[in-house]
């Protein structure tokens, strides 16, 4: 397969210097930029899939009328946190 190129990107000299400073041994700036692009693509695809799953889950919950209100969940978490802190304090004071 033929290779393709990305367009040149103009950056401030400080950004280029910062990128060059963190290069690993044997790594070129081109390798670094390519990996950064790959990592961002992966992260954005994962985020997109996460949002889609969340929206699907929300619709399933609405259809089944089986969901918890955010306020109820947060209140439950707050209760657990208070209990955990009290337990930690009691353990510390022994």
Protein backbone atom coordinates (compact mmCIF):
# COMPACT_ATOMS: atom_id res chain seq x y z
CA UNK A 1 0.00 0.00 0.00
CA UNK A 2 1.22 3.48 -0.80
CA UNK A 3 2.03 5.66 2.15
CA UNK A 4 0.41 9.02 2.69
CA UNK A 5 1.50 12.10 4.56
CA UNK A 6 -0.15 14.49 6.94
CA UNK A 7 -0.02 18.18 6.19
CA UNK A 8 2.79 20.16 7.76
CA UNK A 9 1.82 21.66 11.07
CA UNK A 10 3.28 24.95 12.18
CA UNK A 11 3.89 25.17 15.91
CA UNK A 12 5.65 27.49 18.28
CA UNK A 13 9.32 26.68 18.80
CA UNK A 14 8.63 25.95 22.49
CA UNK A 15 6.16 23.19 21.59
CA UNK A 16 8.60 21.57 19.19
CA UNK A 17 11.37 21.78 21.81
CA UNK A 18 9.08 20.21 24.44
CA UNK A 19 8.24 17.36 22.05
CA UNK A 20 11.89 16.78 21.20
CA UNK A 21 12.77 16.80 24.90
CA UNK A 22 10.52 13.84 25.65
CA UNK A 23 11.56 11.66 22.72
CA UNK A 24 12.70 8.23 23.76
CA UNK A 25 16.03 6.82 22.63
CA UNK A 26 15.93 6.10 18.91
CA UNK A 27 12.54 7.77 18.47
CA UNK A 28 12.19 10.45 15.82
CA UNK A 29 9.88 13.42 15.95
CA UNK A 30 7.97 11.86 13.05
CA UNK A 31 7.48 8.64 15.05
CA UNK A 32 6.32 10.66 18.03
CA UNK A 33 3.79 12.63 15.98
CA UNK A 34 2.51 9.47 14.26
CA UNK A 35 2.03 7.71 17.60
CA UNK A 36 0.28 10.77 19.03
CA UNK A 37 -2.14 10.74 16.09
CA UNK A 38 -2.76 7.00 16.50
CA UNK A 39 -3.35 7.42 20.25
CA UNK A 40 -5.80 10.28 19.68
CA UNK A 41 -7.71 8.29 17.05
CA UNK A 42 -8.00 5.36 19.46
CA UNK A 43 -9.10 7.61 22.33
CA UNK A 44 -11.73 9.34 20.20
CA UNK A 45 -13.10 6.05 18.85
CA UNK A 46 -13.31 4.71 22.42
CA UNK A 47 -15.09 7.87 23.53
CA UNK A 48 -17.54 7.61 20.63
CA UNK A 49 -18.30 3.97 21.50
CA UNK A 50 -18.70 4.88 25.18
CA UNK A 51 -21.23 7.60 24.36
CA UNK A 52 -23.16 5.28 22.04
CA UNK A 53 -23.30 2.58 24.74
CA UNK A 54 -24.43 5.16 27.29
CA UNK A 55 -27.19 6.45 25.05
CA UNK A 56 -28.34 2.91 24.28
CA UNK A 57 -28.35 2.08 27.97
CA UNK A 58 -30.36 5.19 28.73
CA UNK A 59 -32.96 4.23 26.13
CA UNK A 60 -33.17 0.68 27.47
CA UNK A 61 -33.67 2.04 30.98
CA UNK A 62 -36.42 4.37 29.78
CA UNK A 63 -38.15 1.56 27.90
CA UNK A 64 -38.03 -0.80 30.86
CA UNK A 65 -38.63 1.95 33.41
CA UNK A 66 -35.76 0.37 35.37
CA UNK A 67 -33.36 3.10 36.34
CA UNK A 68 -32.19 5.05 39.35
CA UNK A 69 -32.41 8.79 39.75
CA UNK A 70 -29.03 10.53 39.90
CA UNK A 71 -29.91 12.20 43.20
CA UNK A 72 -30.64 8.81 44.75
CA UNK A 73 -27.37 7.33 43.50
CA UNK A 74 -25.39 10.33 44.75
CA UNK A 75 -27.09 10.19 48.14
CA UNK A 76 -26.21 6.51 48.45
CA UNK A 77 -22.60 7.19 47.52
CA UNK A 78 -22.44 10.04 50.03
CA UNK A 79 -23.74 7.73 52.76
CA UNK A 80 -21.11 5.12 51.89
CA UNK A 81 -18.39 7.78 51.93
CA UNK A 82 -19.43 9.08 55.35
CA UNK A 83 -19.43 5.52 56.75
CA UNK A 84 -16.03 4.74 55.21
CA UNK A 85 -14.50 7.93 56.65
CA UNK A 86 -15.94 7.17 60.10
CA UNK A 87 -14.57 3.64 59.93
CA UNK A 88 -11.13 4.95 58.90
CA UNK A 89 -11.14 7.47 61.77
CA UNK A 90 -12.14 4.78 64.25
CA UNK A 91 -9.39 2.49 63.01
CA UNK A 92 -6.83 5.32 63.24
CA UNK A 93 -7.84 6.15 66.82
CA UNK A 94 -7.34 2.58 68.08
